[in-house]
Structure formats: structure tokens, C-alpha cells
Amino acid sequence: MPDTATHHLNLTDPALVGDQPVIITITRDFGAEGHEIGKLLSLELGIPLYDNELVVRAARRVGMTEGQVAAYDEQSSGEMAAFLPDRYDPHTTSDELFGAMRQIILDLGSTQACIIEGRLSDYILRDNPNLLNVLVTAPFDERVRIVRAKRHLSKKKGAKLVRHMQRSREEFYKRYSAGAWHYHDGKHLVVDRSAFGREGCVAIIACAFRQKVACAKRPGTTS
């Protein structure tokens, strides 16, 4: 897949509205299986999902190898922030990487219908009228149960991991929005994985996506 977004706009694509595509961003409370739901949603809608690939593409743009950025991600940035300035500084390695990732997200948001997970994409694309911001969540105890089952952890270690990873993700939002945007801000749709399961969450988001497209295409309505 090319480093830059090179997809041509297809005006017969039902996921396009005017000259811009409808984009789904997924913010995931840690342990709520947002990534798994994103993958299933990609298959359901027939549009690509971007997650870890965003970091890989950003690394290429700034001339870094995948190995050099293996530790960099929204999950670990909370720890890294202790060694960095309080605000975004394009001269630091991690912030340079985020700057490249931000531009990739903007490129994707203007060229193709897709699903973008995390990486502050809901904030970066906040001015896009064809945006559907989704939060995938679940009660804390349920998220601990899911994480414990996957990683074979004790209840204490599972709870500690969920708290740590959630805090790191929230710190990422705070840092790169300069405190202007918080993890749970600006969501059009919130789905509870514990109430609906993976497939149920996919069905709800897919329905919202299709309704977003239909409303935006209807004369006299706006997204």
C-alpha cells in the first residue's frame, strides 16, 4: 500500500457525499474490543480500516524504520510524555512522528471512505462534515474480564493493566490537543460492547454510517 493516499474519488461510491467521503473514527476504551469491532465493521461495510498502519506510514515519512517506532503508539505515549515538553513540539522524535501521522489522517479523511481507529483522529477530523465519531466502551469490570481472559491475568493485574492503558490513551489526547479535546468528547455514537456484543456493536455502527450517508445526500439536509 502506498505511503500517501492516492485513491481517486469515485462519485458512484455510496459512501461518498459530494466531494468528500464519510469517515468513521473509533475511540476505544481499553479492553472493550474496539479493534475487533473495527475489523468486523470493515468487512461489513467494505471499507478499509486503519490502525497500526498509520504509525508505520508516519515512520516512513519521517525516515524511521518500523523497529525504531515499535514502542511508539498511543498506548505508550503517556509514559513517554514524562520525558517530553508539556506541549506539542515538532522537533522531538515522537512529536515529529505524530505530525506525520496527523497529515496522513487528514489525507485519508479527504480521499476515501474508511474507518480510523484512535490516534486522535476524531479531533484531527473534527471539521469534516461527513464524520461519524464512535466510542466503543464497556463497564470497567467487563473490560477487566475481557483483558484477563485474553492475557491470562489475575484480577488484580488485569485491573491494573486496564487502568494504566486507559490513562495512557487519555494522556495522548490531552497532549496532542493541548488539552482542548478529551478522550470521550465529541462522540456522535456510543456503543456498549457488554450490552450488544461485537456483532451487535457492528450492526449499530453500520446502521449509523448508512444513515449518515443517506441524510447527507438528501436535498436540503446537512451532515
C-alpha atoms as a PDB file:
ATOM      1  CA  MET A   1       0.000   0.000   0.000  1.00  0.00           C
ATOM      2  CA  PRO A   2       1.463   3.403  -0.919  1.00  0.00           C
ATOM      3  CA  ASP A   3       2.780   5.786   1.698  1.00  0.00           C
ATOM      4  CA  THR A   4       0.414   8.571   0.667  1.00  0.00           C
ATOM      5  CA  ALA A   5      -3.301   8.388  -0.012  1.00  0.00           C
ATOM      6  CA  THR A   6      -3.613   8.016  -3.796  1.00  0.00           C
ATOM      7  CA  HIS A   7      -7.161   6.687  -4.101  1.00  0.00           C
ATOM      8  CA  HIS A   8      -9.198   8.579  -6.713  1.00  0.00           C
ATOM      9  CA  LEU A   9     -12.622   9.839  -5.720  1.00  0.00           C
ATOM     10  CA  ASN A  10     -15.357   7.627  -7.109  1.00  0.00           C
ATOM     11  CA  LEU A  11     -18.568   9.619  -7.262  1.00  0.00           C
ATOM     12  CA  THR A  12     -20.611   6.433  -7.695  1.00  0.00           C
ATOM     13  CA  ASP A  13     -19.378   5.174  -4.325  1.00  0.00           C
ATOM     14  CA  PRO A  14     -22.386   5.148  -1.931  1.00  0.00           C
ATOM     15  CA  ALA A  15     -20.049   6.094   0.926  1.00  0.00           C
ATOM     16  CA  LEU A  16     -19.231   9.439  -0.732  1.00  0.00           C
ATOM     17  CA  VAL A  17     -21.163  12.611  -0.120  1.00  0.00           C
ATOM     18  CA  GLY A  18     -20.476  15.373  -2.625  1.00  0.00           C
ATOM     19  CA  ASP A  19     -16.701  15.512  -2.974  1.00  0.00           C
ATOM     20  CA  GLN A  20     -15.855  14.025   0.419  1.00  0.00           C
ATOM     21  CA  PRO A  21     -16.225  10.525   1.853  1.00  0.00           C
ATOM     22  CA  VAL A  22     -17.999   9.573   5.048  1.00  0.00           C
ATOM     23  CA  ILE A  23     -15.386   8.645   7.648  1.00  0.00           C
ATOM     24  CA  ILE A  24     -15.807   6.616  10.823  1.00  0.00           C
ATOM     25  CA  THR A  25     -13.430   7.228  13.704  1.00  0.00           C
ATOM     26  CA  ILE A  26     -13.422   4.743  16.561  1.00  0.00           C
ATOM     27  CA  THR A  27     -12.212   5.686  20.018  1.00  0.00           C
ATOM     28  CA  ARG A  28     -11.797   2.599  22.193  1.00  0.00           C
ATOM     29  CA  ASP A  29     -11.888   2.312  25.950  1.00  0.00           C
ATOM     30  CA  PHE A  30      -9.138  -0.211  26.660  1.00  0.00           C
ATOM     31  CA  GLY A  31     -10.493  -3.745  26.896  1.00  0.00           C
ATOM     32  CA  ALA A  32     -13.780  -3.024  25.102  1.00  0.00           C
ATOM     33  CA  GLU A  33     -12.585  -4.809  21.931  1.00  0.00           C
ATOM     34  CA  GLY A  34     -12.838  -1.728  19.762  1.00  0.00           C
ATOM     35  CA  HIS A  35     -10.187  -3.045  17.381  1.00  0.00           C
ATOM     36  CA  GLU A  36     -12.007  -6.337  16.875  1.00  0.00           C
ATOM     37  CA  ILE A  37     -15.233  -4.438  16.281  1.00  0.00           C
ATOM     38  CA  GLY A  38     -13.438  -2.182  13.802  1.00  0.00           C
ATOM     39  CA  LYS A  39     -12.210  -5.184  11.811  1.00  0.00           C
ATOM     40  CA  LEU A  40     -15.689  -6.692  11.632  1.00  0.00           C
ATOM     41  CA  LEU A  41     -17.149  -3.317  10.667  1.00  0.00           C
ATOM     42  CA  SER A  42     -14.617  -3.010   7.846  1.00  0.00           C
ATOM     43  CA  LEU A  43     -15.814  -6.320   6.439  1.00  0.00           C
ATOM     44  CA  GLU A  44     -19.476  -5.377   6.878  1.00  0.00           C
ATOM     45  CA  LEU A  45     -19.150  -2.042   5.065  1.00  0.00           C
ATOM     46  CA  GLY A  46     -16.443  -2.997   2.586  1.00  0.00           C
ATOM     47  CA  ILE A  47     -14.219  -0.055   3.511  1.00  0.00           C
ATOM     48  CA  PRO A  48     -10.625  -0.159   4.825  1.00  0.00           C
ATOM     49  CA  LEU A  49      -9.620   0.011   8.475  1.00  0.00           C
ATOM     50  CA  TYR A  50      -6.549   1.995   9.533  1.00  0.00           C
ATOM     51  CA  ASP A  51      -4.938   1.400  12.913  1.00  0.00           C
ATOM     52  CA  ASN A  52      -1.302   0.367  13.420  1.00  0.00           C
ATOM     53  CA  GLU A  53      -0.626   1.067   9.750  1.00  0.00           C
ATOM     54  CA  LEU A  54      -0.908   4.789  10.499  1.00  0.00           C
ATOM     55  CA  VAL A  55       2.193   4.584  12.685  1.00  0.00           C
ATOM     56  CA  VAL A  56       4.064   2.605  10.038  1.00  0.00           C
ATOM     57  CA  ARG A  57       3.217   5.123   7.317  1.00  0.00           C
ATOM     58  CA  ALA A  58       4.200   8.015   9.572  1.00  0.00           C
ATOM     59  CA  ALA A  59       7.544   6.334  10.304  1.00  0.00           C
ATOM     60  CA  ARG A  60       8.278   6.087   6.590  1.00  0.00           C
ATOM     61  CA  ARG A  61       7.515   9.763   6.103  1.00  0.00           C
ATOM     62  CA  VAL A  62       9.993  10.858   8.777  1.00  0.00           C
ATOM     63  CA  GLY A  63      12.650   8.357   7.670  1.00  0.00           C
ATOM     64  CA  MET A  64      12.397   5.940  10.580  1.00  0.00           C
ATOM     65  CA  THR A  65      12.299   2.160  10.488  1.00  0.00           C
ATOM     66  CA  GLU A  66       9.412   0.183  11.918  1.00  0.00           C
ATOM     67  CA  GLY A  67      11.755  -1.095  14.619  1.00  0.00           C
ATOM     68  CA  GLN A  68      12.572   2.431  15.733  1.00  0.00           C
ATOM     69  CA  VAL A  69       8.935   3.246  16.328  1.00  0.00           C
ATOM     70  CA  ALA A  70       7.814  -0.101  17.709  1.00  0.00           C
ATOM     71  CA  ALA A  71       7.474   1.411  21.183  1.00  0.00           C
ATOM     72  CA  TYR A  72       5.639   4.460  19.926  1.00  0.00           C
ATOM     73  CA  ASP A  73       1.889   4.281  19.977  1.00  0.00           C
ATOM     74  CA  GLU A  74      -0.977   5.983  21.740  1.00  0.00           C
ATOM     75  CA  GLN A  75      -0.844   3.308  24.455  1.00  0.00           C
ATOM     76  CA  SER A  76       2.750   4.137  25.452  1.00  0.00           C
ATOM     77  CA  SER A  77       2.776   7.873  24.825  1.00  0.00           C
ATOM     78  CA  GLY A  78       1.522   8.583  28.313  1.00  0.00           C
ATOM     79  CA  GLU A  79       4.760   7.221  29.714  1.00  0.00           C
ATOM     80  CA  MET A  80       6.846   8.985  27.069  1.00  0.00           C
ATOM     81  CA  ALA A  81       5.226  12.315  27.878  1.00  0.00           C
ATOM     82  CA  ALA A  82       7.104  12.395  31.181  1.00  0.00           C
ATOM     83  CA  PHE A  83      10.310  12.969  29.210  1.00  0.00           C
ATOM     84  CA  LEU A  84       8.881  15.439  26.703  1.00  0.00           C
ATOM     85  CA  PRO A  85       7.708  19.067  26.829  1.00  0.00           C
ATOM     86  CA  ASP A  86       4.164  19.668  28.059  1.00  0.00           C
ATOM     87  CA  ARG A  87       3.036  20.825  24.646  1.00  0.00           C
ATOM     88  CA  TYR A  88       3.475  19.578  21.108  1.00  0.00           C
ATOM     89  CA  ASP A  89       6.990  20.250  19.829  1.00  0.00           C
ATOM     90  CA  PRO A  90       7.605  19.263  16.160  1.00  0.00           C
ATOM     91  CA  HIS A  91      11.329  18.938  16.857  1.00  0.00           C
ATOM     92  CA  THR A  92      11.009  15.940  19.187  1.00  0.00           C
ATOM     93  CA  THR A  93      11.003  12.474  17.611  1.00  0.00           C
ATOM     94  CA  SER A  94       7.611  11.366  18.907  1.00  0.00           C
ATOM     95  CA  ASP A  95       6.000  14.687  18.044  1.00  0.00           C
ATOM     96  CA  GLU A  96       7.515  14.648  14.562  1.00  0.00           C
ATOM     97  CA  LEU A  97       6.020  11.209  14.135  1.00  0.00           C
ATOM     98  CA  PHE A  98       2.635  12.441  15.338  1.00  0.00           C
ATOM     99  CA  GLY A  99       2.797  15.364  12.899  1.00  0.00           C
ATOM    100  CA  ALA A 100       3.310  12.939  10.018  1.00  0.00           C
ATOM    101  CA  MET A 101       0.501  10.716  11.297  1.00  0.00           C
ATOM    102  CA  ARG A 102      -1.813  13.716  11.584  1.00  0.00           C
ATOM    103  CA  GLN A 103      -1.229  14.592   7.920  1.00  0.00           C
ATOM    104  CA  ILE A 104      -1.897  11.008   6.858  1.00  0.00           C
ATOM    105  CA  ILE A 105      -5.199  11.061   8.752  1.00  0.00           C
ATOM    106  CA  LEU A 106      -6.157  14.335   7.069  1.00  0.00           C
ATOM    107  CA  ASP A 107      -5.261  12.859   3.662  1.00  0.00           C
ATOM    108  CA  LEU A 108      -7.361   9.758   4.302  1.00  0.00           C
ATOM    109  CA  GLY A 109     -10.257  11.851   5.564  1.00  0.00           C
ATOM    110  CA  SER A 110     -10.469  13.743   2.290  1.00  0.00           C
ATOM    111  CA  THR A 111      -9.920  10.942  -0.195  1.00  0.00           C
ATOM    112  CA  GLN A 112     -11.664   7.705   0.805  1.00  0.00           C
ATOM    113  CA  ALA A 113     -14.396   6.244   2.944  1.00  0.00           C
ATOM    114  CA  CYS A 114     -12.650   4.381   5.734  1.00  0.00           C
ATOM    115  CA  ILE A 115     -12.502   3.555   9.431  1.00  0.00           C
ATOM    116  CA  ILE A 116      -9.730   5.140  11.501  1.00  0.00           C
ATOM    117  CA  GLU A 117      -9.057   3.842  14.998  1.00  0.00           C
ATOM    118  CA  GLY A 118      -7.683   6.050  17.755  1.00  0.00           C
ATOM    119  CA  ARG A 119      -4.693   8.340  17.148  1.00  0.00           C
ATOM    120  CA  LEU A 120      -6.801  11.413  17.990  1.00  0.00           C
ATOM    121  CA  SER A 121      -8.475  11.024  14.590  1.00  0.00           C
ATOM    122  CA  ASP A 122     -11.819  12.286  15.905  1.00  0.00           C
ATOM    123  CA  TYR A 123     -10.166  15.568  16.929  1.00  0.00           C
ATOM    124  CA  ILE A 124      -7.984  15.859  13.823  1.00  0.00           C
ATOM    125  CA  LEU A 125     -11.009  15.419  11.535  1.00  0.00           C
ATOM    126  CA  ARG A 126     -13.449  17.376  13.710  1.00  0.00           C
ATOM    127  CA  ASP A 127     -14.182  19.940  10.978  1.00  0.00           C
ATOM    128  CA  ASN A 128     -15.115  17.282   8.427  1.00  0.00           C
ATOM    129  CA  PRO A 129     -18.928  17.458   7.982  1.00  0.00           C
ATOM    130  CA  ASN A 130     -19.042  13.820   6.851  1.00  0.00           C
ATOM    131  CA  LEU A 131     -17.553  12.425  10.040  1.00  0.00           C
ATOM    132  CA  LEU A 132     -19.064   9.787  12.324  1.00  0.00           C
ATOM    133  CA  ASN A 133     -17.249   9.694  15.674  1.00  0.00           C
ATOM    134  CA  VAL A 134     -17.826   6.485  17.621  1.00  0.00           C
ATOM    135  CA  LEU A 135     -16.840   5.442  21.137  1.00  0.00           C
ATOM    136  CA  VAL A 136     -16.691   1.715  21.881  1.00  0.00           C
ATOM    137  CA  THR A 137     -16.939   1.184  25.623  1.00  0.00           C
ATOM    138  CA  ALA A 138     -17.954  -1.243  28.358  1.00  0.00           C
ATOM    139  CA  PRO A 139     -18.145  -1.099  32.149  1.00  0.00           C
ATOM    140  CA  PHE A 140     -14.753  -1.288  33.871  1.00  0.00           C
ATOM    141  CA  ASP A 141     -15.335  -4.740  35.372  1.00  0.00           C
ATOM    142  CA  GLU A 142     -16.349  -6.138  31.989  1.00  0.00           C
ATOM    143  CA  ARG A 143     -13.250  -4.708  30.336  1.00  0.00           C
ATOM    144  CA  VAL A 144     -11.103  -6.269  33.055  1.00  0.00           C
ATOM    145  CA  ARG A 145     -12.816  -9.617  32.453  1.00  0.00           C
ATOM    146  CA  ILE A 146     -12.126  -9.448  28.714  1.00  0.00           C
ATOM    147  CA  VAL A 147      -8.466  -8.488  29.212  1.00  0.00           C
ATOM    148  CA  ARG A 148      -7.937 -11.193  31.827  1.00  0.00           C
ATOM    149  CA  ALA A 149      -9.383 -13.856  29.543  1.00  0.00           C
ATOM    150  CA  LYS A 150      -7.164 -12.827  26.638  1.00  0.00           C
ATOM    151  CA  ARG A 151      -3.941 -12.403  28.608  1.00  0.00           C
ATOM    152  CA  HIS A 152      -4.438 -14.964  31.364  1.00  0.00           C
ATOM    153  CA  LEU A 153      -4.012 -12.415  34.149  1.00  0.00           C
ATOM    154  CA  SER A 154      -5.146 -12.320  37.739  1.00  0.00           C
ATOM    155  CA  LYS A 155      -7.991  -9.967  38.619  1.00  0.00           C
ATOM    156  CA  LYS A 156      -5.563  -7.553  40.274  1.00  0.00           C
ATOM    157  CA  LYS A 157      -3.145  -7.488  37.340  1.00  0.00           C
ATOM    158  CA  GLY A 158      -5.968  -7.231  34.827  1.00  0.00           C
ATOM    159  CA  ALA A 159      -7.469  -4.213  36.596  1.00  0.00           C
ATOM    160  CA  LYS A 160      -4.063  -2.568  36.876  1.00  0.00           C
ATOM    161  CA  LEU A 161      -3.407  -3.025  33.154  1.00  0.00           C
ATOM    162  CA  VAL A 162      -6.797  -1.629  32.130  1.00  0.00           C
ATOM    163  CA  ARG A 163      -6.326   1.454  34.322  1.00  0.00           C
ATOM    164  CA  HIS A 164      -2.785   2.019  33.059  1.00  0.00           C
ATOM    165  CA  MET A 165      -3.596   1.659  29.371  1.00  0.00           C
ATOM    166  CA  GLN A 166      -6.733   3.774  29.650  1.00  0.00           C
ATOM    167  CA  ARG A 167      -4.796   6.539  31.390  1.00  0.00           C
ATOM    168  CA  SER A 168      -2.095   6.448  28.698  1.00  0.00           C
ATOM    169  CA  ARG A 169      -4.657   6.768  25.919  1.00  0.00           C
ATOM    170  CA  GLU A 170      -6.293   9.698  27.681  1.00  0.00           C
ATOM    171  CA  GLU A 171      -2.907  11.381  28.149  1.00  0.00           C
ATOM    172  CA  PHE A 172      -2.285  11.067  24.417  1.00  0.00           C
ATOM    173  CA  TYR A 173      -5.481  13.016  23.721  1.00  0.00           C
ATOM    174  CA  LYS A 174      -4.633  15.666  26.273  1.00  0.00           C
ATOM    175  CA  ARG A 175      -1.107  16.141  24.971  1.00  0.00           C
ATOM    176  CA  TYR A 176      -1.772  16.365  21.260  1.00  0.00           C
ATOM    177  CA  SER A 177      -4.897  18.502  21.514  1.00  0.00           C
ATOM    178  CA  ALA A 178      -3.164  20.816  24.030  1.00  0.00           C
ATOM    179  CA  GLY A 179      -5.952  19.997  26.444  1.00  0.00           C
ATOM    180  CA  ALA A 180      -8.672  21.144  24.047  1.00  0.00           C
ATOM    181  CA  TRP A 181     -10.119  17.662  23.463  1.00  0.00           C
ATOM    182  CA  HIS A 182     -10.688  14.849  25.909  1.00  0.00           C
ATOM    183  CA  TYR A 183     -10.992  11.141  25.274  1.00  0.00           C
ATOM    184  CA  HIS A 184     -14.779  10.999  25.470  1.00  0.00           C
ATOM    185  CA  ASP A 185     -15.510  14.376  23.838  1.00  0.00           C
ATOM    186  CA  GLY A 186     -17.435  14.934  20.621  1.00  0.00           C
ATOM    187  CA  LYS A 187     -18.820  11.453  20.044  1.00  0.00           C
ATOM    188  CA  HIS A 188     -21.838  11.052  17.776  1.00  0.00           C
ATOM    189  CA  LEU A 189     -22.403   7.469  18.864  1.00  0.00           C
ATOM    190  CA  VAL A 190     -21.501   5.450  21.968  1.00  0.00           C
ATOM    191  CA  VAL A 191     -21.850   1.656  21.855  1.00  0.00           C
ATOM    192  CA  ASP A 192     -21.547  -0.647  24.855  1.00  0.00           C
ATOM    193  CA  ARG A 193     -19.815  -3.883  23.959  1.00  0.00           C
ATOM    194  CA  SER A 194     -21.143  -5.571  27.120  1.00  0.00           C
ATOM    195  CA  ALA A 195     -24.745  -4.812  26.144  1.00  0.00           C
ATOM    196  CA  PHE A 196     -24.623  -5.663  22.444  1.00  0.00           C
ATOM    197  CA  GLY A 197     -21.584  -7.898  21.875  1.00  0.00           C
ATOM    198  CA  ARG A 198     -19.196  -7.467  18.958  1.00  0.00           C
ATOM    199  CA  GLU A 199     -21.723  -8.212  16.225  1.00  0.00           C
ATOM    200  CA  GLY A 200     -24.368  -6.008  17.811  1.00  0.00           C
ATOM    201  CA  CYS A 201     -21.974  -3.066  18.007  1.00  0.00           C
ATOM    202  CA  VAL A 202     -21.043  -3.595  14.358  1.00  0.00           C
ATOM    203  CA  ALA A 203     -24.706  -3.616  13.333  1.00  0.00           C
ATOM    204  CA  ILE A 204     -25.400  -0.372  15.227  1.00  0.00           C
ATOM    205  CA  ILE A 205     -22.391   1.473  13.802  1.00  0.00           C
ATOM    206  CA  ALA A 206     -23.080   0.202  10.281  1.00  0.00           C
ATOM    207  CA  CYS A 207     -26.673   1.424  10.529  1.00  0.00           C
ATOM    208  CA  ALA A 208     -25.490   4.852  11.721  1.00  0.00           C
ATOM    209  CA  PHE A 209     -22.966   5.021   8.858  1.00  0.00           C
ATOM    210  CA  ARG A 210     -25.602   4.242   6.239  1.00  0.00           C
ATOM    211  CA  GLN A 211     -27.993   6.750   7.779  1.00  0.00           C
ATOM    212  CA  LYS A 212     -25.237   9.370   7.753  1.00  0.00           C
ATOM    213  CA  VAL A 213     -24.753   8.793   4.040  1.00  0.00           C
ATOM    214  CA  ALA A 214     -28.494   8.878   3.336  1.00  0.00           C
ATOM    215  CA  CYS A 215     -29.092  12.078   5.310  1.00  0.00           C
ATOM    216  CA  ALA A 216     -26.133  13.856   3.753  1.00  0.00           C
ATOM    217  CA  LYS A 217     -27.325  13.015   0.255  1.00  0.00           C
ATOM    218  CA  ARG A 218     -30.914  14.086   0.904  1.00  0.00           C
ATOM    219  CA  PRO A 219     -31.687  17.524  -0.600  1.00  0.00           C
ATOM    220  CA  GLY A 220     -31.959  20.288   1.954  1.00  0.00           C
ATOM    221  CA  THR A 221     -30.135  18.388   4.719  1.00  0.00           C
ATOM    222  CA  THR A 222     -26.622  18.689   6.083  1.00  0.00           C
ATOM    223  CA  SER A 223     -24.342  16.147   7.665  1.00  0.00           C
END
